[in-house]
Every structure is written in C-alpha cells, then in structure tokens.
Amino acid sequence: MNNKELLALLEKPWLSVEDIKSICNCGDSSARKIVKDIEKQVISNGKKLPPSKKKLVPTNLVLDYLGIDMQYLIKTKQIKEENTYVS
C-alpha cells in the first residue's frame, strides 16, 4: 500500500477490521485484536462506541495505537508529488 492509498483510508473518521487489515498488512485475528484493544481503551475512558453491524473504531485512536505519524505521511506524499511534476 502506498502513501496515497494509506492516506485515503486514514481520512475516514472510523476504521473497520478490514481497514486495519489493509493498513497493517495483517490477518483477521490481529486486526480484531487491535479493534478489541481500542474498544477497551474507549470504554475505560468512560465513552461508548456507536452500535453498528461492523466493529468500528476512531481513526485517531488507531493512529495512536499503531504509532503512525500522519504528518510524516502527508509530507512524504507531497514530496513525491513534487518530484513527479519535476521529472
């Protein structure tokens, strides 16, 4: 997955197990564990997640959990686009 595809996923306010599988390049059980860990974090902070058919978690918490630096991704995408236009 390149930065452009990753950023397109991370623009969503909520991420599903399928989204996390794509981001992490992991299997179903690993992605479900990430979702479950984030759900526990939300609940322990006294908040609730919206009921839905798919398990969804806030994107910002996924970014924190995985240690993804959004600013770095945006910067590298911009640099790559600039270099594409120069060539």
PDB file of N, CA and C in Angstrom:
ATOM      1  N   MET A   1       0.846  -1.165   0.000  1.00  0.00           N
ATOM      2  CA  MET A   1       0.000   0.000   0.000  1.00  0.00           C
ATOM      3  C   MET A   1       0.901   1.240   0.000  1.00  0.00           C
ATOM      4  N   ASN A   2       0.642   2.150  -0.913  1.00  0.00           N
ATOM      5  CA  ASN A   2       1.450   3.370  -0.958  1.00  0.00           C
ATOM      6  C   ASN A   2       0.826   4.458  -0.079  1.00  0.00           C
ATOM      7  N   ASN A   3       1.554   5.565   0.065  1.00  0.00           N
ATOM      8  CA  ASN A   3       1.086   6.648   0.939  1.00  0.00           C
ATOM      9  C   ASN A   3      -0.274   7.186   0.521  1.00  0.00           C
ATOM     10  N   LYS A   4      -0.495   7.310  -0.773  1.00  0.00           N
ATOM     11  CA  LYS A   4      -1.764   7.852  -1.260  1.00  0.00           C
ATOM     12  C   LYS A   4      -2.929   6.962  -0.833  1.00  0.00           C
ATOM     13  N   GLU A   5      -2.769   5.650  -0.987  1.00  0.00           N
ATOM     14  CA  GLU A   5      -3.823   4.711  -0.589  1.00  0.00           C
ATOM     15  C   GLU A   5      -4.010   4.713   0.925  1.00  0.00           C
ATOM     16  N   LEU A   6      -2.896   4.767   1.650  1.00  0.00           N
ATOM     17  CA  LEU A   6      -2.956   4.785   3.106  1.00  0.00           C
ATOM     18  C   LEU A   6      -3.659   6.043   3.602  1.00  0.00           C
ATOM     19  N   LEU A   7      -3.308   7.185   3.038  1.00  0.00           N
ATOM     20  CA  LEU A   7      -3.945   8.439   3.445  1.00  0.00           C
ATOM     21  C   LEU A   7      -5.442   8.442   3.122  1.00  0.00           C
ATOM     22  N   ALA A   8      -5.809   7.826   2.008  1.00  0.00           N
ATOM     23  CA  ALA A   8      -7.236   7.753   1.654  1.00  0.00           C
ATOM     24  C   ALA A   8      -8.002   6.970   2.722  1.00  0.00           C
ATOM     25  N   LEU A   9      -7.416   5.894   3.227  1.00  0.00           N
ATOM     26  CA  LEU A   9      -8.052   5.131   4.305  1.00  0.00           C
ATOM     27  C   LEU A   9      -8.105   5.932   5.592  1.00  0.00           C
ATOM     28  N   LEU A  10      -7.013   6.635   5.897  1.00  0.00           N
ATOM     29  CA  LEU A  10      -6.917   7.350   7.164  1.00  0.00           C
ATOM     30  C   LEU A  10      -7.734   8.635   7.197  1.00  0.00           C
ATOM     31  N   GLU A  11      -8.299   9.041   6.062  1.00  0.00           N
ATOM     32  CA  GLU A  11      -9.178  10.208   6.030  1.00  0.00           C
ATOM     33  C   GLU A  11     -10.551   9.894   6.612  1.00  0.00           C
ATOM     34  N   LYS A  12     -10.859   8.607   6.701  1.00  0.00           N
ATOM     35  CA  LYS A  12     -12.156   8.191   7.243  1.00  0.00           C
ATOM     36  C   LYS A  12     -12.169   8.431   8.756  1.00  0.00           C
ATOM     37  N   PRO A  13     -13.294   8.859   9.306  1.00  0.00           N
ATOM     38  CA  PRO A  13     -13.348   9.080  10.759  1.00  0.00           C
ATOM     39  C   PRO A  13     -13.357   7.782  11.567  1.00  0.00           C
ATOM     40  N   TRP A  14     -13.845   6.701  10.976  1.00  0.00           N
ATOM     41  CA  TRP A  14     -13.933   5.411  11.653  1.00  0.00           C
ATOM     42  C   TRP A  14     -13.296   4.345  10.776  1.00  0.00           C
ATOM     43  N   LEU A  15     -12.616   3.381  11.414  1.00  0.00           N
ATOM     44  CA  LEU A  15     -11.987   2.296  10.673  1.00  0.00           C
ATOM     45  C   LEU A  15     -12.570   0.956  11.102  1.00  0.00           C
ATOM     46  N   SER A  16     -12.691   0.069  10.133  1.00  0.00           N
ATOM     47  CA  SER A  16     -13.214  -1.276  10.377  1.00  0.00           C
ATOM     48  C   SER A  16     -12.052  -2.267  10.480  1.00  0.00           C
ATOM     49  N   VAL A  17     -12.390  -3.498  10.786  1.00  0.00           N
ATOM     50  CA  VAL A  17     -11.381  -4.565  10.828  1.00  0.00           C
ATOM     51  C   VAL A  17     -10.713  -4.688   9.464  1.00  0.00           C
ATOM     52  N   GLU A  18     -11.502  -4.617   8.395  1.00  0.00           N
ATOM     53  CA  GLU A  18     -10.948  -4.710   7.039  1.00  0.00           C
ATOM     54  C   GLU A  18      -9.963  -3.577   6.755  1.00  0.00           C
ATOM     55  N   ASP A  19     -10.294  -2.368   7.188  1.00  0.00           N
ATOM     56  CA  ASP A  19      -9.386  -1.226   7.007  1.00  0.00           C
ATOM     57  C   ASP A  19      -8.070  -1.468   7.743  1.00  0.00           C
ATOM     58  N   ILE A  20      -8.163  -1.947   8.967  1.00  0.00           N
ATOM     59  CA  ILE A  20      -6.967  -2.189   9.781  1.00  0.00           C
ATOM     60  C   ILE A  20      -6.128  -3.305   9.165  1.00  0.00           C
ATOM     61  N   LYS A  21      -6.771  -4.322   8.611  1.00  0.00           N
ATOM     62  CA  LYS A  21      -6.029  -5.379   7.920  1.00  0.00           C
ATOM     63  C   LYS A  21      -5.215  -4.790   6.771  1.00  0.00           C
ATOM     64  N   SER A  22      -5.804  -3.866   6.040  1.00  0.00           N
ATOM     65  CA  SER A  22      -5.111  -3.231   4.917  1.00  0.00           C
ATOM     66  C   SER A  22      -3.960  -2.356   5.397  1.00  0.00           C
ATOM     67  N   ILE A  23      -4.208  -1.576   6.429  1.00  0.00           N
ATOM     68  CA  ILE A  23      -3.188  -0.664   6.948  1.00  0.00           C
ATOM     69  C   ILE A  23      -1.991  -1.432   7.494  1.00  0.00           C
ATOM     70  N   CYS A  24      -2.261  -2.477   8.264  1.00  0.00           N
ATOM     71  CA  CYS A  24      -1.196  -3.222   8.948  1.00  0.00           C
ATOM     72  C   CYS A  24      -0.643  -4.381   8.130  1.00  0.00           C
ATOM     73  N   ASN A  25      -1.323  -4.699   7.035  1.00  0.00           N
ATOM     74  CA  ASN A  25      -0.953  -5.878   6.257  1.00  0.00           C
ATOM     75  C   ASN A  25      -0.919  -7.106   7.164  1.00  0.00           C
ATOM     76  N   CYS A  26      -2.006  -7.272   7.916  1.00  0.00           N
ATOM     77  CA  CYS A  26      -2.087  -8.371   8.879  1.00  0.00           C
ATOM     78  C   CYS A  26      -3.336  -9.198   8.613  1.00  0.00           C
ATOM     79  N   GLY A  27      -3.463 -10.266   9.359  1.00  0.00           N
ATOM     80  CA  GLY A  27      -4.610 -11.140   9.228  1.00  0.00           C
ATOM     81  C   GLY A  27      -5.802 -10.668  10.041  1.00  0.00           C
ATOM     82  N   ASP A  28      -6.858 -11.432   9.920  1.00  0.00           N
ATOM     83  CA  ASP A  28      -8.111 -11.089  10.575  1.00  0.00           C
ATOM     84  C   ASP A  28      -7.988 -11.078  12.095  1.00  0.00           C
ATOM     85  N   SER A  29      -7.341 -12.083  12.665  1.00  0.00           N
ATOM     86  CA  SER A  29      -7.262 -12.152  14.127  1.00  0.00           C
ATOM     87  C   SER A  29      -6.434 -11.001  14.709  1.00  0.00           C
ATOM     88  N   SER A  30      -5.363 -10.621  14.043  1.00  0.00           N
ATOM     89  CA  SER A  30      -4.555  -9.484  14.522  1.00  0.00           C
ATOM     90  C   SER A  30      -5.334  -8.183  14.444  1.00  0.00           C
ATOM     91  N   ALA A  31      -6.062  -7.994  13.350  1.00  0.00           N
ATOM     92  CA  ALA A  31      -6.859  -6.772  13.197  1.00  0.00           C
ATOM     93  C   ALA A  31      -7.977  -6.725  14.243  1.00  0.00           C
ATOM     94  N   ARG A  32      -8.593  -7.859  14.509  1.00  0.00           N
ATOM     95  CA  ARG A  32      -9.656  -7.907  15.518  1.00  0.00           C
ATOM     96  C   ARG A  32      -9.099  -7.623  16.915  1.00  0.00           C
ATOM     97  N   LYS A  33      -7.884  -8.076  17.189  1.00  0.00           N
ATOM     98  CA  LYS A  33      -7.246  -7.796  18.475  1.00  0.00           C
ATOM     99  C   LYS A  33      -7.004  -6.295  18.633  1.00  0.00           C
ATOM    100  N   ILE A  34      -6.572  -5.647  17.564  1.00  0.00           N
ATOM    101  CA  ILE A  34      -6.353  -4.200  17.596  1.00  0.00           C
ATOM    102  C   ILE A  34      -7.671  -3.489  17.895  1.00  0.00           C
ATOM    103  N   VAL A  35      -8.739  -3.890  17.208  1.00  0.00           N
ATOM    104  CA  VAL A  35     -10.052  -3.279  17.427  1.00  0.00           C
ATOM    105  C   VAL A  35     -10.494  -3.501  18.871  1.00  0.00           C
ATOM    106  N   LYS A  36     -10.332  -4.714  19.361  1.00  0.00           N
ATOM    107  CA  LYS A  36     -10.745  -5.026  20.741  1.00  0.00           C
ATOM    108  C   LYS A  36      -9.952  -4.196  21.749  1.00  0.00           C
ATOM    109  N   ASP A  37      -8.632  -4.057  21.533  1.00  0.00           N
ATOM    110  CA  ASP A  37      -7.800  -3.243  22.427  1.00  0.00           C
ATOM    111  C   ASP A  37      -8.261  -1.786  22.437  1.00  0.00           C
ATOM    112  N   ILE A  38      -8.579  -1.270  21.272  1.00  0.00           N
ATOM    113  CA  ILE A  38      -9.028   0.123  21.171  1.00  0.00           C
ATOM    114  C   ILE A  38     -10.410   0.277  21.800  1.00  0.00           C
ATOM    115  N   GLU A  39     -11.292  -0.694  21.600  1.00  0.00           N
ATOM    116  CA  GLU A  39     -12.612  -0.657  22.248  1.00  0.00           C
ATOM    117  C   GLU A  39     -12.460  -0.590  23.766  1.00  0.00           C
ATOM    118  N   LYS A  40     -11.578  -1.408  24.313  1.00  0.00           N
ATOM    119  CA  LYS A  40     -11.341  -1.410  25.766  1.00  0.00           C
ATOM    120  C   LYS A  40     -10.845  -0.044  26.232  1.00  0.00           C
ATOM    121  N   GLN A  41      -9.962   0.558  25.445  1.00  0.00           N
ATOM    122  CA  GLN A  41      -9.427   1.874  25.779  1.00  0.00           C
ATOM    123  C   GLN A  41     -10.553   2.913  25.820  1.00  0.00           C
ATOM    124  N   VAL A  42     -11.421   2.891  24.839  1.00  0.00           N
ATOM    125  CA  VAL A  42     -12.533   3.842  24.768  1.00  0.00           C
ATOM    126  C   VAL A  42     -13.452   3.656  25.973  1.00  0.00           C
ATOM    127  N   ILE A  43     -13.808   2.424  26.252  1.00  0.00           N
ATOM    128  CA  ILE A  43     -14.721   2.133  27.364  1.00  0.00           C
ATOM    129  C   ILE A  43     -14.088   2.493  28.702  1.00  0.00           C
ATOM    130  N   SER A  44     -12.788   2.225  28.858  1.00  0.00           N
ATOM    131  CA  SER A  44     -12.121   2.564  30.120  1.00  0.00           C
ATOM    132  C   SER A  44     -12.045   4.071  30.346  1.00  0.00           C
ATOM    133  N   ASN A  45     -12.161   4.854  29.263  1.00  0.00           N
ATOM    134  CA  ASN A  45     -12.181   6.314  29.375  1.00  0.00           C
ATOM    135  C   ASN A  45     -13.602   6.839  29.596  1.00  0.00           C
ATOM    136  N   GLY A  46     -14.556   5.918  29.820  1.00  0.00           N
ATOM    137  CA  GLY A  46     -15.922   6.318  30.110  1.00  0.00           C
ATOM    138  C   GLY A  46     -16.732   6.717  28.895  1.00  0.00           C
ATOM    139  N   LYS A  47     -16.290   6.332  27.716  1.00  0.00           N
ATOM    140  CA  LYS A  47     -17.007   6.680  26.491  1.00  0.00           C
ATOM    141  C   LYS A  47     -17.594   5.420  25.878  1.00  0.00           C
ATOM    142  N   LYS A  48     -18.426   5.606  24.880  1.00  0.00           N
ATOM    143  CA  LYS A  48     -19.057   4.488  24.194  1.00  0.00           C
ATOM    144  C   LYS A  48     -18.783   4.579  22.707  1.00  0.00           C
ATOM    145  N   LEU A  49     -18.843   3.447  22.059  1.00  0.00           N
ATOM    146  CA  LEU A  49     -18.725   3.393  20.605  1.00  0.00           C
ATOM    147  C   LEU A  49     -20.124   3.239  20.021  1.00  0.00           C
ATOM    148  N   PRO A  50     -20.355   3.797  18.843  1.00  0.00           N
ATOM    149  CA  PRO A  50     -21.688   3.683  18.250  1.00  0.00           C
ATOM    150  C   PRO A  50     -21.981   2.231  17.863  1.00  0.00           C
ATOM    151  N   PRO A  51     -23.224   1.805  18.077  1.00  0.00           N
ATOM    152  CA  PRO A  51     -23.575   0.445  17.653  1.00  0.00           C
ATOM    153  C   PRO A  51     -23.602   0.376  16.127  1.00  0.00           C
ATOM    154  N   SER A  52     -23.073  -0.693  15.588  1.00  0.00           N
ATOM    155  CA  SER A  52     -23.086  -0.877  14.137  1.00  0.00           C
ATOM    156  C   SER A  52     -22.907  -2.351  13.826  1.00  0.00           C
ATOM    157  N   LYS A  53     -23.240  -2.735  12.602  1.00  0.00           N
ATOM    158  CA  LYS A  53     -23.068  -4.129  12.188  1.00  0.00           C
ATOM    159  C   LYS A  53     -21.594  -4.493  12.164  1.00  0.00           C
ATOM    160  N   LYS A  54     -20.766  -3.579  11.666  1.00  0.00           N
ATOM    161  CA  LYS A  54     -19.319  -3.778  11.649  1.00  0.00           C
ATOM    162  C   LYS A  54     -18.730  -3.113  12.881  1.00  0.00           C
ATOM    163  N   LYS A  55     -17.699  -3.724  13.423  1.00  0.00           N
ATOM    164  CA  LYS A  55     -16.974  -3.087  14.524  1.00  0.00           C
ATOM    165  C   LYS A  55     -16.187  -1.920  13.941  1.00  0.00           C
ATOM    166  N   LEU A  56     -16.412  -0.733  14.477  1.00  0.00           N
ATOM    167  CA  LEU A  56     -15.710   0.460  14.016  1.00  0.00           C
ATOM    168  C   LEU A  56     -15.034   1.138  15.202  1.00  0.00           C
ATOM    169  N   VAL A  57     -13.833   1.652  14.965  1.00  0.00           N
ATOM    170  CA  VAL A  57     -13.111   2.388  15.999  1.00  0.00           C
ATOM    171  C   VAL A  57     -12.615   3.705  15.403  1.00  0.00           C
ATOM    172  N   PRO A  58     -12.443   4.732  16.247  1.00  0.00           N
ATOM    173  CA  PRO A  58     -11.992   6.029  15.743  1.00  0.00           C
ATOM    174  C   PRO A  58     -10.601   5.949  15.117  1.00  0.00           C
ATOM    175  N   THR A  59     -10.457   6.580  13.987  1.00  0.00           N
ATOM    176  CA  THR A  59      -9.184   6.564  13.261  1.00  0.00           C
ATOM    177  C   THR A  59      -8.045   7.131  14.099  1.00  0.00           C
ATOM    178  N   ASN A  60      -8.309   8.216  14.834  1.00  0.00           N
ATOM    179  CA  ASN A  60      -7.230   8.833  15.619  1.00  0.00           C
ATOM    180  C   ASN A  60      -6.685   7.866  16.670  1.00  0.00           C
ATOM    181  N   LEU A  61      -7.535   7.004  17.221  1.00  0.00           N
ATOM    182  CA  LEU A  61      -7.055   6.030  18.204  1.00  0.00           C
ATOM    183  C   LEU A  61      -6.254   4.916  17.535  1.00  0.00           C
ATOM    184  N   VAL A  62      -6.625   4.571  16.311  1.00  0.00           N
ATOM    185  CA  VAL A  62      -5.846   3.579  15.556  1.00  0.00           C
ATOM    186  C   VAL A  62      -4.453   4.149  15.252  1.00  0.00           C
ATOM    187  N   LEU A  63      -4.413   5.423  14.860  1.00  0.00           N
ATOM    188  CA  LEU A  63      -3.122   6.073  14.593  1.00  0.00           C
ATOM    189  C   LEU A  63      -2.234   6.044  15.835  1.00  0.00           C
ATOM    190  N   ASP A  64      -2.808   6.387  16.986  1.00  0.00           N
ATOM    191  CA  ASP A  64      -2.058   6.362  18.245  1.00  0.00           C
ATOM    192  C   ASP A  64      -1.598   4.946  18.577  1.00  0.00           C
ATOM    193  N   TYR A  65      -2.491   3.998  18.455  1.00  0.00           N
ATOM    194  CA  TYR A  65      -2.199   2.603  18.791  1.00  0.00           C
ATOM    195  C   TYR A  65      -1.044   2.064  17.946  1.00  0.00           C
ATOM    196  N   LEU A  66      -1.062   2.390  16.657  1.00  0.00           N
ATOM    197  CA  LEU A  66      -0.046   1.874  15.741  1.00  0.00           C
ATOM    198  C   LEU A  66       1.191   2.761  15.654  1.00  0.00           C
ATOM    199  N   GLY A  67       1.125   3.946  16.243  1.00  0.00           N
ATOM    200  CA  GLY A  67       2.264   4.863  16.185  1.00  0.00           C
ATOM    201  C   GLY A  67       2.490   5.434  14.797  1.00  0.00           C
ATOM    202  N   ILE A  68       1.408   5.658  14.073  1.00  0.00           N
ATOM    203  CA  ILE A  68       1.507   6.215  12.721  1.00  0.00           C
ATOM    204  C   ILE A  68       1.545   7.729  12.809  1.00  0.00           C
ATOM    205  N   ASP A  69       2.533   8.325  12.161  1.00  0.00           N
ATOM    206  CA  ASP A  69       2.707   9.778  12.131  1.00  0.00           C
ATOM    207  C   ASP A  69       2.048  10.323  10.866  1.00  0.00           C
ATOM    208  N   MET A  70       0.855  10.858  11.020  1.00  0.00           N
ATOM    209  CA  MET A  70       0.081  11.363   9.885  1.00  0.00           C
ATOM    210  C   MET A  70       0.818  12.491   9.158  1.00  0.00           C
ATOM    211  N   GLN A  71       1.458  13.375   9.900  1.00  0.00           N
ATOM    212  CA  GLN A  71       2.175  14.490   9.277  1.00  0.00           C
ATOM    213  C   GLN A  71       3.306  13.989   8.379  1.00  0.00           C
ATOM    214  N   TYR A  72       3.987  12.945   8.814  1.00  0.00           N
ATOM    215  CA  TYR A  72       5.065  12.360   8.008  1.00  0.00           C
ATOM    216  C   TYR A  72       4.503  11.795   6.701  1.00  0.00           C
ATOM    217  N   LEU A  73       3.386  11.098   6.777  1.00  0.00           N
ATOM    218  CA  LEU A  73       2.780  10.538   5.575  1.00  0.00           C
ATOM    219  C   LEU A  73       2.376  11.630   4.589  1.00  0.00           C
ATOM    220  N   ILE A  74       1.782  12.696   5.119  1.00  0.00           N
ATOM    221  CA  ILE A  74       1.369  13.804   4.259  1.00  0.00           C
ATOM    222  C   ILE A  74       2.582  14.452   3.612  1.00  0.00           C
ATOM    223  N   LYS A  75       3.629  14.648   4.401  1.00  0.00           N
ATOM    224  CA  LYS A  75       4.850  15.289   3.883  1.00  0.00           C
ATOM    225  C   LYS A  75       5.496  14.437   2.789  1.00  0.00           C
ATOM    226  N   THR A  76       5.616  13.131   3.011  1.00  0.00           N
ATOM    227  CA  THR A  76       6.241  12.281   2.000  1.00  0.00           C
ATOM    228  C   THR A  76       5.401  12.200   0.736  1.00  0.00           C
ATOM    229  N   LYS A  77       4.074  12.248   0.882  1.00  0.00           N
ATOM    230  CA  LYS A  77       3.200  12.260  -0.291  1.00  0.00           C
ATOM    231  C   LYS A  77       3.419  13.539  -1.096  1.00  0.00           C
ATOM    232  N   GLN A  78       3.519  14.674  -0.391  1.00  0.00           N
ATOM    233  CA  GLN A  78       3.741  15.949  -1.075  1.00  0.00           C
ATOM    234  C   GLN A  78       5.092  15.963  -1.778  1.00  0.00           C
ATOM    235  N   ILE A  79       6.125  15.445  -1.137  1.00  0.00           N
ATOM    236  CA  ILE A  79       7.458  15.400  -1.739  1.00  0.00           C
ATOM    237  C   ILE A  79       7.431  14.540  -2.994  1.00  0.00           C
ATOM    238  N   LYS A  80       6.777  13.398  -2.910  1.00  0.00           N
ATOM    239  CA  LYS A  80       6.697  12.503  -4.062  1.00  0.00           C
ATOM    240  C   LYS A  80       5.949  13.174  -5.212  1.00  0.00           C
ATOM    241  N   GLU A  81       4.859  13.891  -4.892  1.00  0.00           N
ATOM    242  CA  GLU A  81       4.100  14.584  -5.937  1.00  0.00           C
ATOM    243  C   GLU A  81       4.932  15.692  -6.576  1.00  0.00           C
ATOM    244  N   GLU A  82       5.698  16.420  -5.756  1.00  0.00           N
ATOM    245  CA  GLU A  82       6.553  17.474  -6.295  1.00  0.00           C
ATOM    246  C   GLU A  82       7.604  16.895  -7.233  1.00  0.00           C
ATOM    247  N   ASN A  83       8.197  15.782  -6.836  1.00  0.00           N
ATOM    248  CA  ASN A  83       9.219  15.134  -7.669  1.00  0.00           C
ATOM    249  C   ASN A  83       8.629  14.581  -8.939  1.00  0.00           C
ATOM    250  N   THR A  84       7.373  14.180  -8.906  1.00  0.00           N
ATOM    251  CA  THR A  84       6.697  13.667 -10.096  1.00  0.00           C
ATOM    252  C   THR A  84       6.501  14.788 -11.097  1.00  0.00           C
ATOM    253  N   TYR A  85       6.152  15.974 -10.627  1.00  0.00           N
ATOM    254  CA  TYR A  85       5.921  17.105 -11.519  1.00  0.00           C
ATOM    255  C   TYR A  85       7.223  17.635 -12.114  1.00  0.00           C
ATOM    256  N   VAL A  86       8.326  17.493 -11.383  1.00  0.00           N
ATOM    257  CA  VAL A  86       9.618  17.994 -11.849  1.00  0.00           C
ATOM    258  C   VAL A  86      10.190  17.122 -12.949  1.00  0.00           C
ATOM    259  N   SER A  87       9.958  15.814 -12.859  1.00  0.00           N
ATOM    260  CA  SER A  87      10.547  14.868 -13.804  1.00  0.00           C
ATOM    261  C   SER A  87      10.045  15.071 -15.211  1.00  0.00           C
TER     262      SER A  87
END
